[in-house]
Amino acid sequence: MIRRDQLSRLFLCIFISTGCLHASEIHCTYISSMIFSGSISVVNSIPTAISNSSEEVDRLNVSLKGLLISGDYTGSKLIVDRIIKKTGDNNIDDKTLSESYYLIGVYHSLTRSVHEAIRYLNLCISLKDKNHEYDERYAKTLYNLGVMYGRLGDFKRLEDYSIRSLEVVKKNYGDASPFL
């Protein structure tokens, strides 16, 4: 049986190894509390030594992705709120911002906030279109956007976004792609 203090150290190691924290930043990190849900933890304070807003938001995105995968929507909400606060800063690069919008959209889709999901997924699409980035994330965003419209009963948009998603996958991976 793993004790709580061992689990705390384990998650700190995971955060370091995944890039959520750097070992050199540990000395200035105050972890006010850790919330445990299954095997995922949320650090309630972020290292003060992070100088670049985009790097900090990248780390928050990694944390959010892990929490979403584990189904911890309470912890996810805390991270979503932090990301939204940080993305108000104009110093966030478009790649990081589009990733944040995508993950926030996924969070809202999983918590059944369909209109908010559509809003954030559209923000992600807008940034990807602006930068001509038609990658796998773009295809997934289109697909998820279609699913959200399907939940609203707008099956025409569901079909349109699904087809657009498939076209992006075909363009990126070819007609014989296992993703199709």
N, C-alpha and C. Protein backbone atom coordinates (compact mmCIF):
# COMPACT_ATOMS: atom_id res chain seq x y z
N MET A 1 0.84 -1.17 0.00
CA MET A 1 0.00 0.00 0.00
C MET A 1 0.89 1.24 0.00
N ILE A 2 0.58 2.17 -0.87
CA ILE A 2 1.36 3.40 -0.95
C ILE A 2 0.79 4.43 0.02
N ARG A 3 1.68 5.02 0.83
CA ARG A 3 1.25 6.04 1.77
C ARG A 3 1.08 7.37 1.04
N ARG A 4 0.33 8.26 1.64
CA ARG A 4 0.04 9.57 1.04
C ARG A 4 1.31 10.36 0.74
N ASP A 5 2.30 10.36 1.65
CA ASP A 5 3.53 11.11 1.42
C ASP A 5 4.33 10.51 0.26
N GLN A 6 4.29 9.18 0.11
CA GLN A 6 4.96 8.54 -1.03
C GLN A 6 4.27 8.92 -2.33
N LEU A 7 2.95 8.98 -2.29
CA LEU A 7 2.19 9.35 -3.47
C LEU A 7 2.49 10.79 -3.87
N SER A 8 2.63 11.67 -2.89
CA SER A 8 2.98 13.07 -3.17
C SER A 8 4.32 13.16 -3.89
N ARG A 9 5.32 12.41 -3.39
CA ARG A 9 6.64 12.42 -4.04
C ARG A 9 6.56 11.83 -5.44
N LEU A 10 5.77 10.78 -5.60
CA LEU A 10 5.60 10.16 -6.91
C LEU A 10 5.04 11.15 -7.91
N PHE A 11 3.99 11.88 -7.51
CA PHE A 11 3.39 12.85 -8.43
C PHE A 11 4.31 14.02 -8.70
N LEU A 12 5.10 14.41 -7.73
CA LEU A 12 6.08 15.46 -7.96
C LEU A 12 7.09 15.00 -9.01
N CYS A 13 7.51 13.74 -8.93
CA CYS A 13 8.42 13.17 -9.94
C CYS A 13 7.75 13.13 -11.31
N ILE A 14 6.47 12.78 -11.34
CA ILE A 14 5.74 12.75 -12.62
C ILE A 14 5.67 14.15 -13.20
N PHE A 15 5.35 15.15 -12.37
CA PHE A 15 5.29 16.51 -12.87
C PHE A 15 6.64 16.97 -13.42
N ILE A 16 7.72 16.58 -12.78
CA ILE A 16 9.05 16.94 -13.27
C ILE A 16 9.33 16.23 -14.58
N SER A 17 9.06 14.93 -14.65
CA SER A 17 9.40 14.17 -15.85
C SER A 17 8.55 14.55 -17.05
N THR A 18 7.32 15.02 -16.83
CA THR A 18 6.47 15.41 -17.95
C THR A 18 6.64 16.88 -18.33
N GLY A 19 7.48 17.59 -17.59
CA GLY A 19 7.71 18.99 -17.93
C GLY A 19 6.77 19.95 -17.23
N CYS A 20 5.90 19.46 -16.35
CA CYS A 20 5.02 20.36 -15.62
C CYS A 20 5.82 21.20 -14.63
N LEU A 21 6.89 20.64 -14.11
CA LEU A 21 7.80 21.35 -13.22
C LEU A 21 9.23 21.00 -13.64
N HIS A 22 10.12 21.92 -13.39
CA HIS A 22 11.54 21.64 -13.60
C HIS A 22 12.18 21.45 -12.23
N ALA A 23 13.13 20.52 -12.14
CA ALA A 23 13.79 20.24 -10.87
C ALA A 23 14.38 21.50 -10.25
N SER A 24 14.89 22.41 -11.08
CA SER A 24 15.49 23.64 -10.56
C SER A 24 14.45 24.58 -9.95
N GLU A 25 13.17 24.35 -10.21
CA GLU A 25 12.12 25.23 -9.70
C GLU A 25 11.51 24.72 -8.40
N ILE A 26 11.88 23.53 -8.00
CA ILE A 26 11.27 22.93 -6.81
C ILE A 26 11.51 23.78 -5.57
N HIS A 27 12.70 24.35 -5.44
CA HIS A 27 13.01 25.11 -4.24
C HIS A 27 12.11 26.33 -4.07
N CYS A 28 11.53 26.85 -5.13
CA CYS A 28 10.69 28.04 -5.00
C CYS A 28 9.22 27.70 -5.12
N THR A 29 8.91 26.43 -5.10
CA THR A 29 7.52 26.01 -5.25
C THR A 29 6.90 25.75 -3.89
N TYR A 30 5.80 26.38 -3.63
CA TYR A 30 5.06 26.11 -2.42
C TYR A 30 3.82 25.34 -2.82
N ILE A 31 3.74 24.13 -2.39
CA ILE A 31 2.58 23.30 -2.70
C ILE A 31 1.65 23.43 -1.51
N SER A 32 0.62 24.26 -1.69
CA SER A 32 -0.28 24.53 -0.57
C SER A 32 -1.09 23.31 -0.19
N SER A 33 -1.49 22.54 -1.16
CA SER A 33 -2.18 21.29 -0.87
C SER A 33 -2.25 20.48 -2.14
N MET A 34 -2.45 19.20 -1.98
CA MET A 34 -2.63 18.34 -3.13
C MET A 34 -3.98 17.68 -2.99
N ILE A 35 -4.71 17.68 -4.07
CA ILE A 35 -6.01 17.04 -4.07
C ILE A 35 -5.84 15.72 -4.81
N PHE A 36 -6.20 14.64 -4.16
CA PHE A 36 -6.03 13.34 -4.78
C PHE A 36 -7.36 12.83 -5.30
N SER A 37 -7.33 12.35 -6.53
CA SER A 37 -8.50 11.72 -7.12
C SER A 37 -7.98 10.56 -7.93
N GLY A 38 -8.14 9.37 -7.43
CA GLY A 38 -7.58 8.22 -8.13
C GLY A 38 -6.07 8.32 -8.10
N SER A 39 -5.47 8.41 -9.26
CA SER A 39 -4.02 8.44 -9.34
C SER A 39 -3.49 9.76 -9.86
N ILE A 40 -4.30 10.80 -9.86
CA ILE A 40 -3.88 12.09 -10.39
C ILE A 40 -3.96 13.12 -9.27
N SER A 41 -3.04 14.06 -9.27
CA SER A 41 -3.08 15.11 -8.27
C SER A 41 -3.06 16.46 -8.96
N VAL A 42 -3.57 17.45 -8.27
CA VAL A 42 -3.55 18.82 -8.76
C VAL A 42 -2.71 19.62 -7.80
N VAL A 43 -1.71 20.30 -8.31
CA VAL A 43 -0.90 21.17 -7.48
C VAL A 43 -1.60 22.51 -7.44
N ASN A 44 -1.90 23.01 -6.23
CA ASN A 44 -2.67 24.23 -6.10
C ASN A 44 -1.86 25.51 -6.23
N SER A 45 -0.58 25.41 -6.37
CA SER A 45 0.19 26.60 -6.67
C SER A 45 1.26 26.25 -7.68
N ILE A 46 1.59 27.19 -8.50
CA ILE A 46 2.50 26.99 -9.61
C ILE A 46 3.84 27.66 -9.25
N PRO A 47 4.95 27.11 -9.70
CA PRO A 47 6.26 27.69 -9.38
C PRO A 47 6.34 29.17 -9.77
N THR A 48 6.90 29.97 -8.86
CA THR A 48 7.01 31.40 -9.13
C THR A 48 8.17 31.70 -10.05
N ALA A 49 9.08 30.77 -10.28
CA ALA A 49 10.25 31.03 -11.10
C ALA A 49 9.96 30.97 -12.59
N ILE A 50 8.77 30.56 -12.97
CA ILE A 50 8.46 30.49 -14.40
C ILE A 50 8.33 31.91 -14.91
N SER A 51 9.15 32.25 -15.90
CA SER A 51 9.14 33.62 -16.39
C SER A 51 8.29 33.77 -17.64
N ASN A 52 8.15 32.73 -18.39
CA ASN A 52 7.44 32.83 -19.65
C ASN A 52 6.01 32.34 -19.49
N SER A 53 5.05 33.21 -19.82
CA SER A 53 3.64 32.86 -19.68
C SER A 53 3.26 31.66 -20.52
N SER A 54 3.80 31.56 -21.72
CA SER A 54 3.48 30.42 -22.59
C SER A 54 3.96 29.12 -21.97
N GLU A 55 5.14 29.13 -21.36
CA GLU A 55 5.65 27.92 -20.71
C GLU A 55 4.75 27.51 -19.56
N GLU A 56 4.28 28.48 -18.80
CA GLU A 56 3.41 28.17 -17.68
C GLU A 56 2.08 27.60 -18.17
N VAL A 57 1.53 28.19 -19.22
CA VAL A 57 0.27 27.69 -19.77
C VAL A 57 0.47 26.31 -20.38
N ASP A 58 1.63 26.07 -21.01
CA ASP A 58 1.94 24.73 -21.52
C ASP A 58 1.89 23.71 -20.39
N ARG A 59 2.46 24.06 -19.26
CA ARG A 59 2.47 23.15 -18.11
C ARG A 59 1.05 22.91 -17.59
N LEU A 60 0.27 23.97 -17.56
CA LEU A 60 -1.12 23.83 -17.13
C LEU A 60 -1.89 22.95 -18.12
N ASN A 61 -1.60 23.09 -19.42
CA ASN A 61 -2.25 22.24 -20.42
C ASN A 61 -1.93 20.77 -20.20
N VAL A 62 -0.68 20.48 -19.87
CA VAL A 62 -0.28 19.09 -19.60
C VAL A 62 -1.05 18.56 -18.40
N SER A 63 -1.16 19.38 -17.37
CA SER A 63 -1.91 18.97 -16.17
C SER A 63 -3.37 18.74 -16.50
N LEU A 64 -3.96 19.65 -17.27
CA LEU A 64 -5.36 19.53 -17.63
C LEU A 64 -5.60 18.27 -18.45
N LYS A 65 -4.73 17.99 -19.38
CA LYS A 65 -4.89 16.79 -20.21
C LYS A 65 -4.89 15.53 -19.33
N GLY A 66 -3.98 15.46 -18.38
CA GLY A 66 -3.92 14.31 -17.48
C GLY A 66 -5.17 14.18 -16.64
N LEU A 67 -5.67 15.30 -16.14
CA LEU A 67 -6.88 15.27 -15.33
C LEU A 67 -8.10 14.86 -16.15
N LEU A 68 -8.18 15.34 -17.38
CA LEU A 68 -9.29 14.96 -18.25
C LEU A 68 -9.26 13.47 -18.56
N ILE A 69 -8.06 12.95 -18.83
CA ILE A 69 -7.92 11.52 -19.12
C ILE A 69 -8.36 10.69 -17.92
N SER A 70 -8.05 11.16 -16.73
CA SER A 70 -8.41 10.40 -15.52
C SER A 70 -9.85 10.60 -15.10
N GLY A 71 -10.55 11.56 -15.72
CA GLY A 71 -11.94 11.81 -15.37
C GLY A 71 -12.12 12.69 -14.15
N ASP A 72 -11.06 13.40 -13.74
CA ASP A 72 -11.13 14.28 -12.58
C ASP A 72 -11.59 15.67 -13.04
N TYR A 73 -12.91 15.87 -13.09
CA TYR A 73 -13.45 17.13 -13.59
C TYR A 73 -13.39 18.24 -12.55
N THR A 74 -13.35 17.88 -11.28
CA THR A 74 -13.20 18.89 -10.22
C THR A 74 -11.80 19.52 -10.31
N GLY A 75 -10.79 18.66 -10.40
CA GLY A 75 -9.43 19.17 -10.56
C GLY A 75 -9.26 19.89 -11.88
N SER A 76 -9.92 19.38 -12.92
CA SER A 76 -9.85 20.01 -14.25
C SER A 76 -10.38 21.44 -14.19
N LYS A 77 -11.47 21.64 -13.45
CA LYS A 77 -12.07 22.97 -13.35
C LYS A 77 -11.08 23.97 -12.77
N LEU A 78 -10.32 23.54 -11.76
CA LEU A 78 -9.31 24.43 -11.17
C LEU A 78 -8.27 24.85 -12.20
N ILE A 79 -7.82 23.88 -13.00
CA ILE A 79 -6.81 24.17 -14.01
C ILE A 79 -7.40 25.01 -15.14
N VAL A 80 -8.63 24.71 -15.56
CA VAL A 80 -9.30 25.51 -16.60
C VAL A 80 -9.37 26.96 -16.16
N ASP A 81 -9.76 27.20 -14.93
CA ASP A 81 -9.84 28.58 -14.42
C ASP A 81 -8.48 29.27 -14.47
N ARG A 82 -7.44 28.55 -14.12
CA ARG A 82 -6.08 29.13 -14.18
C ARG A 82 -5.67 29.44 -15.61
N ILE A 83 -5.97 28.51 -16.51
CA ILE A 83 -5.60 28.72 -17.92
C ILE A 83 -6.33 29.93 -18.47
N ILE A 84 -7.62 30.04 -18.18
CA ILE A 84 -8.40 31.18 -18.67
C ILE A 84 -7.82 32.48 -18.15
N LYS A 85 -7.44 32.49 -16.88
CA LYS A 85 -6.84 33.69 -16.29
C LYS A 85 -5.51 34.02 -16.99
N LYS A 86 -4.68 33.00 -17.23
CA LYS A 86 -3.38 33.22 -17.85
C LYS A 86 -3.49 33.59 -19.33
N THR A 87 -4.49 33.05 -20.03
CA THR A 87 -4.60 33.33 -21.46
C THR A 87 -5.11 34.75 -21.72
N GLY A 88 -5.55 35.44 -20.68
CA GLY A 88 -5.89 36.85 -20.82
C GLY A 88 -4.65 37.69 -21.10
N ASP A 89 -3.49 37.14 -20.78
CA ASP A 89 -2.20 37.78 -21.04
C ASP A 89 -1.91 37.67 -22.53
N ASN A 90 -1.50 38.74 -23.15
CA ASN A 90 -1.23 38.74 -24.59
C ASN A 90 0.12 38.12 -24.94
N ASN A 91 0.84 37.61 -23.96
CA ASN A 91 2.16 37.04 -24.22
C ASN A 91 2.12 35.53 -24.47
N ILE A 92 0.95 34.98 -24.75
CA ILE A 92 0.82 33.55 -25.00
C ILE A 92 0.92 33.32 -26.50
N ASP A 93 1.80 32.39 -26.90
CA ASP A 93 1.93 32.13 -28.33
C ASP A 93 0.70 31.37 -28.84
N ASP A 94 0.44 31.50 -30.16
CA ASP A 94 -0.76 30.93 -30.76
C ASP A 94 -0.85 29.42 -30.61
N LYS A 95 0.28 28.72 -30.69
CA LYS A 95 0.26 27.26 -30.57
C LYS A 95 -0.24 26.85 -29.18
N THR A 96 0.30 27.48 -28.15
CA THR A 96 -0.10 27.20 -26.78
C THR A 96 -1.55 27.60 -26.56
N LEU A 97 -1.93 28.75 -27.09
CA LEU A 97 -3.29 29.24 -26.92
C LEU A 97 -4.30 28.31 -27.59
N SER A 98 -3.98 27.84 -28.81
CA SER A 98 -4.91 26.94 -29.49
C SER A 98 -5.04 25.62 -28.74
N GLU A 99 -3.94 25.13 -28.17
CA GLU A 99 -3.99 23.91 -27.36
C GLU A 99 -4.87 24.12 -26.13
N SER A 100 -4.73 25.29 -25.50
CA SER A 100 -5.55 25.61 -24.34
C SER A 100 -7.03 25.64 -24.71
N TYR A 101 -7.35 26.31 -25.81
CA TYR A 101 -8.74 26.39 -26.25
C TYR A 101 -9.30 25.00 -26.54
N TYR A 102 -8.50 24.15 -27.17
CA TYR A 102 -8.95 22.80 -27.47
C TYR A 102 -9.26 22.03 -26.18
N LEU A 103 -8.32 22.05 -25.24
CA LEU A 103 -8.50 21.31 -23.99
C LEU A 103 -9.66 21.85 -23.16
N ILE A 104 -9.83 23.17 -23.16
CA ILE A 104 -10.97 23.75 -22.44
C ILE A 104 -12.28 23.34 -23.13
N GLY A 105 -12.27 23.31 -24.45
CA GLY A 105 -13.44 22.84 -25.19
C GLY A 105 -13.77 21.39 -24.86
N VAL A 106 -12.74 20.55 -24.78
CA VAL A 106 -12.95 19.15 -24.41
C VAL A 106 -13.49 19.06 -22.98
N TYR A 107 -12.93 19.84 -22.08
CA TYR A 107 -13.43 19.86 -20.70
C TYR A 107 -14.93 20.17 -20.69
N HIS A 108 -15.32 21.22 -21.40
CA HIS A 108 -16.73 21.60 -21.42
C HIS A 108 -17.60 20.55 -22.10
N SER A 109 -17.08 19.88 -23.09
CA SER A 109 -17.87 18.82 -23.73
C SER A 109 -18.07 17.65 -22.77
N LEU A 110 -17.06 17.34 -21.99
CA LEU A 110 -17.16 16.24 -21.03
C LEU A 110 -18.07 16.58 -19.85
N THR A 111 -18.18 17.86 -19.53
CA THR A 111 -19.04 18.27 -18.43
C THR A 111 -20.40 18.74 -18.93
N ARG A 112 -20.68 18.47 -20.19
CA ARG A 112 -21.99 18.74 -20.82
C ARG A 112 -22.33 20.22 -20.94
N SER A 113 -21.32 21.08 -20.98
CA SER A 113 -21.53 22.51 -21.24
C SER A 113 -21.32 22.73 -22.74
N VAL A 114 -22.31 22.32 -23.52
CA VAL A 114 -22.17 22.25 -24.97
C VAL A 114 -21.84 23.60 -25.59
N HIS A 115 -22.54 24.65 -25.18
CA HIS A 115 -22.31 25.97 -25.79
C HIS A 115 -20.91 26.50 -25.49
N GLU A 116 -20.44 26.26 -24.27
CA GLU A 116 -19.07 26.67 -23.93
C GLU A 116 -18.06 25.83 -24.71
N ALA A 117 -18.34 24.55 -24.88
CA ALA A 117 -17.45 23.69 -25.67
C ALA A 117 -17.35 24.22 -27.09
N ILE A 118 -18.48 24.55 -27.69
CA ILE A 118 -18.50 25.09 -29.05
C ILE A 118 -17.69 26.39 -29.11
N ARG A 119 -17.87 27.23 -28.12
CA ARG A 119 -17.14 28.51 -28.10
C ARG A 119 -15.62 28.29 -28.12
N TYR A 120 -15.13 27.43 -27.24
CA TYR A 120 -13.68 27.22 -27.15
C TYR A 120 -13.13 26.42 -28.34
N LEU A 121 -13.89 25.47 -28.82
CA LEU A 121 -13.43 24.72 -30.01
C LEU A 121 -13.37 25.64 -31.22
N ASN A 122 -14.32 26.56 -31.34
CA ASN A 122 -14.27 27.54 -32.43
C ASN A 122 -13.07 28.48 -32.30
N LEU A 123 -12.72 28.85 -31.07
CA LEU A 123 -11.53 29.69 -30.87
C LEU A 123 -10.27 28.95 -31.32
N CYS A 124 -10.21 27.65 -31.02
CA CYS A 124 -9.08 26.83 -31.45
C CYS A 124 -9.01 26.78 -32.99
N ILE A 125 -10.15 26.53 -33.62
CA ILE A 125 -10.21 26.47 -35.09
C ILE A 125 -9.77 27.80 -35.70
N SER A 126 -10.22 28.91 -35.12
CA SER A 126 -9.86 30.23 -35.64
C SER A 126 -8.35 30.45 -35.63
N LEU A 127 -7.71 30.07 -34.53
CA LEU A 127 -6.25 30.22 -34.44
C LEU A 127 -5.54 29.31 -35.44
N LYS A 128 -6.02 28.08 -35.55
CA LYS A 128 -5.41 27.13 -36.50
C LYS A 128 -5.57 27.65 -37.93
N ASP A 129 -6.75 28.16 -38.27
CA ASP A 129 -6.98 28.72 -39.61
C ASP A 129 -6.07 29.92 -39.86
N LYS A 130 -5.98 30.80 -38.87
CA LYS A 130 -5.14 32.00 -38.99
C LYS A 130 -3.68 31.64 -39.31
N ASN A 131 -3.20 30.56 -38.68
CA ASN A 131 -1.80 30.15 -38.85
C ASN A 131 -1.62 29.05 -39.89
N HIS A 132 -2.69 28.71 -40.58
CA HIS A 132 -2.65 27.66 -41.62
C HIS A 132 -2.07 26.35 -41.08
N GLU A 133 -2.52 25.97 -39.88
CA GLU A 133 -2.09 24.73 -39.24
C GLU A 133 -3.22 23.71 -39.35
N TYR A 134 -3.10 22.85 -40.32
CA TYR A 134 -4.13 21.85 -40.56
C TYR A 134 -3.60 20.48 -40.16
N ASP A 135 -3.34 20.35 -38.88
CA ASP A 135 -2.72 19.15 -38.34
C ASP A 135 -3.77 18.23 -37.69
N GLU A 136 -3.28 17.23 -36.99
CA GLU A 136 -4.17 16.27 -36.33
C GLU A 136 -5.07 16.96 -35.31
N ARG A 137 -4.54 17.92 -34.56
CA ARG A 137 -5.34 18.65 -33.57
C ARG A 137 -6.49 19.40 -34.26
N TYR A 138 -6.21 19.95 -35.43
CA TYR A 138 -7.24 20.65 -36.20
C TYR A 138 -8.35 19.68 -36.58
N ALA A 139 -7.99 18.51 -37.05
CA ALA A 139 -8.97 17.49 -37.43
C ALA A 139 -9.80 17.06 -36.23
N LYS A 140 -9.16 16.84 -35.09
CA LYS A 140 -9.88 16.43 -33.88
C LYS A 140 -10.83 17.53 -33.41
N THR A 141 -10.38 18.78 -33.53
CA THR A 141 -11.22 19.89 -33.11
C THR A 141 -12.46 19.99 -33.99
N LEU A 142 -12.27 19.83 -35.30
CA LEU A 142 -13.42 19.85 -36.22
C LEU A 142 -14.40 18.73 -35.86
N TYR A 143 -13.86 17.54 -35.63
CA TYR A 143 -14.71 16.41 -35.29
C TYR A 143 -15.50 16.67 -34.00
N ASN A 144 -14.79 17.13 -32.96
CA ASN A 144 -15.45 17.40 -31.68
C ASN A 144 -16.49 18.50 -31.80
N LEU A 145 -16.21 19.49 -32.64
CA LEU A 145 -17.17 20.55 -32.89
C LEU A 145 -18.44 19.97 -33.52
N GLY A 146 -18.27 19.06 -34.46
CA GLY A 146 -19.42 18.39 -35.06
C GLY A 146 -20.22 17.61 -34.04
N VAL A 147 -19.54 16.92 -33.15
CA VAL A 147 -20.22 16.16 -32.10
C VAL A 147 -21.05 17.09 -31.22
N MET A 148 -20.50 18.26 -30.89
CA MET A 148 -21.24 19.21 -30.05
C MET A 148 -22.50 19.69 -30.76
N TYR A 149 -22.39 19.97 -32.05
CA TYR A 149 -23.58 20.38 -32.80
C TYR A 149 -24.58 19.22 -32.88
N GLY A 150 -24.08 18.01 -32.96
CA GLY A 150 -24.97 16.84 -32.94
C GLY A 150 -25.74 16.75 -31.64
N ARG A 151 -25.10 17.09 -30.52
CA ARG A 151 -25.79 17.08 -29.22
C ARG A 151 -26.92 18.11 -29.19
N LEU A 152 -26.73 19.18 -29.98
CA LEU A 152 -27.77 20.21 -30.04
C LEU A 152 -28.86 19.86 -31.06
N GLY A 153 -28.67 18.76 -31.77
CA GLY A 153 -29.65 18.37 -32.78
C GLY A 153 -29.41 18.96 -34.15
N ASP A 154 -28.29 19.65 -34.33
CA ASP A 154 -27.95 20.25 -35.62
C ASP A 154 -27.12 19.24 -36.42
N PHE A 155 -27.82 18.31 -37.05
CA PHE A 155 -27.15 17.20 -37.72
C PHE A 155 -26.47 17.62 -39.02
N LYS A 156 -26.90 18.71 -39.62
CA LYS A 156 -26.23 19.23 -40.82
C LYS A 156 -24.82 19.68 -40.46
N ARG A 157 -24.69 20.43 -39.37
CA ARG A 157 -23.35 20.86 -38.93
C ARG A 157 -22.51 19.67 -38.48
N LEU A 158 -23.14 18.71 -37.83
CA LEU A 158 -22.44 17.49 -37.45
C LEU A 158 -21.82 16.85 -38.69
N GLU A 159 -22.60 16.72 -39.74
CA GLU A 159 -22.10 16.12 -40.98
C GLU A 159 -21.00 16.98 -41.61
N ASP A 160 -21.23 18.29 -41.67
CA ASP A 160 -20.24 19.19 -42.28
C ASP A 160 -18.89 19.14 -41.57
N TYR A 161 -18.92 19.23 -40.25
CA TYR A 161 -17.66 19.21 -39.50
C TYR A 161 -16.99 17.84 -39.55
N SER A 162 -17.78 16.79 -39.56
CA SER A 162 -17.20 15.44 -39.68
C SER A 162 -16.50 15.26 -41.02
N ILE A 163 -17.13 15.73 -42.08
CA ILE A 163 -16.52 15.63 -43.42
C ILE A 163 -15.26 16.47 -43.50
N ARG A 164 -15.31 17.69 -42.96
CA ARG A 164 -14.10 18.53 -42.95
C ARG A 164 -12.97 17.85 -42.18
N SER A 165 -13.30 17.22 -41.06
CA SER A 165 -12.30 16.51 -40.27
C SER A 165 -11.68 15.38 -41.09
N LEU A 166 -12.52 14.60 -41.76
CA LEU A 166 -12.02 13.50 -42.59
C LEU A 166 -11.13 14.00 -43.73
N GLU A 167 -11.50 15.13 -44.32
CA GLU A 167 -10.69 15.70 -45.40
C GLU A 167 -9.30 16.09 -44.90
N VAL A 168 -9.22 16.64 -43.69
CA VAL A 168 -7.93 17.01 -43.12
C VAL A 168 -7.09 15.76 -42.86
N VAL A 169 -7.71 14.73 -42.32
CA VAL A 169 -6.99 13.47 -42.06
C VAL A 169 -6.49 12.87 -43.37
N LYS A 170 -7.34 12.86 -44.39
CA LYS A 170 -6.93 12.33 -45.70
C LYS A 170 -5.76 13.11 -46.26
N LYS A 171 -5.82 14.43 -46.15
CA LYS A 171 -4.75 15.27 -46.68
C LYS A 171 -3.44 15.02 -45.92
N ASN A 172 -3.53 14.84 -44.62
CA ASN A 172 -2.32 14.65 -43.81
C ASN A 172 -1.76 13.24 -43.86
N TYR A 173 -2.63 12.24 -43.96
CA TYR A 173 -2.17 10.86 -43.84
C TYR A 173 -2.45 9.99 -45.06
N GLY A 174 -3.21 10.50 -46.03
CA GLY A 174 -3.53 9.71 -47.22
C GLY A 174 -4.81 8.91 -47.06
N ASP A 175 -5.33 8.44 -48.18
CA ASP A 175 -6.59 7.69 -48.19
C ASP A 175 -6.51 6.35 -47.47
N ALA A 176 -5.32 5.78 -47.39
CA ALA A 176 -5.15 4.47 -46.75
C ALA A 176 -4.85 4.56 -45.27
N SER A 177 -5.04 5.73 -44.69
CA SER A 177 -4.72 5.96 -43.29
C SER A 177 -5.56 5.09 -42.36
N PRO A 178 -4.94 4.51 -41.34
CA PRO A 178 -5.73 3.75 -40.35
C PRO A 178 -6.61 4.67 -39.50
N PHE A 179 -6.39 5.99 -39.57
CA PHE A 179 -7.21 6.93 -38.82
C PHE A 179 -8.58 7.11 -39.43
N LEU A 180 -8.76 6.67 -40.69
CA LEU A 180 -10.04 6.90 -41.37
C LEU A 180 -11.04 5.84 -41.04
